[in-house]
Amino acid sequence: MSEDRPRPELVAFVQRYIRSLEQLEILLLLSTPPLRPWLVIEVYDSVKSNPASVWQRLEELHRDQLLIKVGAKEPEYVFQPQEQRLRDLVAELAVLYEQRRVRVRQIIYPGGETRRDSA
């Protein structure tokens, strides 16, 4: 990855799976070792946004098969992509976000700071 340009595969991953900064922060939180199950309220306590929004983002990541959901009544979410390639991209994205937050924001919001709708 060059200083200004993330790998095209990483850009494509962000454009496909990441709909907001909130969702990015949730994904990176759950993908940080040690991996463990997270309740919605625990994720909310970490990202401090809105419980309903946090639940929605977790469900989107689950539908995208980046998380698995354990339990039904009070589900817990675990980072567990089915493909190693996706795990590697999330790890690469975590490094990029730590080093170049503005660049990642520009990938998520290419036309400015507006929320992209779910596909």
Protein backbone atom coordinates (compact mmCIF):
# COMPACT_ATOMS: atom_id res chain seq x y z
CA MET A 1 0.00 0.00 0.00
CA SER A 2 1.43 3.36 -0.99
CA GLU A 3 1.34 6.37 1.30
CA ASP A 4 -1.67 7.95 -0.41
CA ARG A 5 -3.39 5.02 -2.08
CA PRO A 6 -4.72 1.98 -0.28
CA ARG A 7 -4.76 -1.23 -2.29
CA PRO A 8 -7.71 -1.41 -4.70
CA GLU A 9 -8.93 -4.58 -2.99
CA LEU A 10 -9.11 -2.73 0.34
CA VAL A 11 -10.98 0.20 -1.23
CA ALA A 12 -13.44 -2.25 -2.80
CA PHE A 13 -13.93 -3.94 0.59
CA VAL A 14 -14.72 -0.63 2.29
CA GLN A 15 -17.10 0.39 -0.49
CA ARG A 16 -18.89 -2.98 -0.32
CA TYR A 17 -19.12 -3.54 3.45
CA ILE A 18 -18.73 -0.22 5.29
CA ARG A 19 -21.70 2.14 5.20
CA SER A 20 -20.70 4.58 7.96
CA LEU A 21 -17.95 5.48 10.40
CA GLU A 22 -20.10 3.99 13.14
CA GLN A 23 -20.15 0.67 11.32
CA LEU A 24 -16.40 0.82 10.76
CA GLU A 25 -15.77 1.47 14.45
CA ILE A 26 -18.03 -1.45 15.39
CA LEU A 27 -16.31 -3.81 12.97
CA LEU A 28 -12.87 -2.81 14.19
CA LEU A 29 -13.95 -3.16 17.83
CA LEU A 30 -15.23 -6.69 17.32
CA SER A 31 -12.22 -7.70 15.21
CA THR A 32 -9.68 -6.63 17.85
CA PRO A 33 -8.10 -9.55 19.70
CA PRO A 34 -8.95 -11.25 21.87
CA LEU A 35 -12.02 -12.15 19.83
CA ARG A 36 -15.09 -12.69 21.97
CA PRO A 37 -18.89 -12.49 21.82
CA TRP A 38 -20.33 -8.98 22.24
CA LEU A 39 -23.83 -8.00 23.38
CA VAL A 40 -25.42 -4.99 21.68
CA ILE A 41 -25.24 -3.02 24.93
CA GLU A 42 -21.51 -3.76 25.27
CA VAL A 43 -20.85 -2.48 21.77
CA TYR A 44 -22.98 0.58 22.52
CA ASP A 45 -21.01 1.21 25.73
CA SER A 46 -17.84 1.27 23.62
CA VAL A 47 -18.94 3.33 20.63
CA LYS A 48 -21.44 5.59 22.46
CA SER A 49 -23.81 6.25 19.59
CA ASN A 50 -27.36 4.89 19.76
CA PRO A 51 -28.41 1.37 20.84
CA ALA A 52 -30.86 0.95 17.95
CA SER A 53 -28.26 2.13 15.45
CA VAL A 54 -25.62 -0.16 16.94
CA TRP A 55 -28.02 -3.10 16.65
CA GLN A 56 -28.74 -2.20 13.01
CA ARG A 57 -25.01 -2.01 12.16
CA LEU A 58 -24.36 -5.36 13.88
CA GLU A 59 -27.20 -6.93 11.90
CA GLU A 60 -25.80 -5.52 8.65
CA LEU A 61 -22.36 -6.94 9.41
CA HIS A 62 -24.00 -10.26 10.28
CA ARG A 63 -25.94 -10.28 6.98
CA ASP A 64 -22.67 -9.50 5.19
CA GLN A 65 -21.19 -12.58 6.92
CA LEU A 66 -18.45 -10.68 8.72
CA LEU A 67 -20.01 -11.52 12.10
CA ILE A 68 -21.80 -14.54 13.44
CA LYS A 69 -24.73 -14.21 15.81
CA VAL A 70 -24.99 -16.49 18.83
CA GLY A 71 -28.24 -16.82 20.76
CA ALA A 72 -31.69 -15.47 19.98
CA LYS A 73 -33.13 -13.71 23.03
CA GLU A 74 -30.07 -11.56 23.74
CA PRO A 75 -27.86 -12.24 20.74
CA GLU A 76 -24.11 -11.85 20.92
CA TYR A 77 -22.02 -11.04 17.88
CA VAL A 78 -18.59 -12.45 17.10
CA PHE A 79 -16.17 -11.39 14.37
CA GLN A 80 -15.85 -14.49 12.22
CA PRO A 81 -15.73 -13.95 8.46
CA GLN A 82 -15.98 -17.15 6.46
CA GLU A 83 -12.98 -16.26 4.30
CA GLN A 84 -9.44 -15.61 5.51
CA ARG A 85 -9.14 -12.95 2.81
CA LEU A 86 -11.85 -10.90 4.57
CA ARG A 87 -10.10 -11.27 7.93
CA ASP A 88 -6.89 -10.03 6.35
CA LEU A 89 -8.65 -7.05 4.76
CA VAL A 90 -10.22 -6.06 8.08
CA ALA A 91 -6.79 -6.24 9.76
CA GLU A 92 -5.32 -4.10 6.97
CA LEU A 93 -8.21 -1.65 7.31
CA ALA A 94 -7.58 -1.36 11.06
CA VAL A 95 -3.97 -0.33 10.38
CA LEU A 96 -4.99 2.13 7.67
CA TYR A 97 -7.66 3.68 9.91
CA GLU A 98 -5.15 4.07 12.73
CA GLN A 99 -2.65 5.79 10.43
CA ARG A 100 -4.88 7.66 7.96
CA ARG A 101 -8.36 8.25 9.35
CA VAL A 102 -9.19 11.02 6.88
CA ARG A 103 -8.30 8.79 3.92
CA VAL A 104 -10.61 6.04 5.20
CA ARG A 105 -13.37 8.61 5.69
CA GLN A 106 -12.93 9.72 2.09
CA ILE A 107 -13.39 6.14 0.91
CA ILE A 108 -16.56 5.69 2.99
CA TYR A 109 -17.98 9.09 2.03
CA PRO A 110 -16.58 9.83 -1.45
CA GLY A 111 -18.91 12.81 -1.98
CA GLY A 112 -18.52 14.32 1.47
CA GLU A 113 -19.79 13.54 4.95
CA THR A 114 -23.16 11.95 4.14
CA ARG A 115 -24.34 8.52 5.15
CA ARG A 116 -24.48 5.92 2.40
CA ASP A 117 -27.63 3.81 2.37
CA SER A 118 -27.54 0.05 2.73
CA ALA A 119 -27.46 -1.90 -0.49
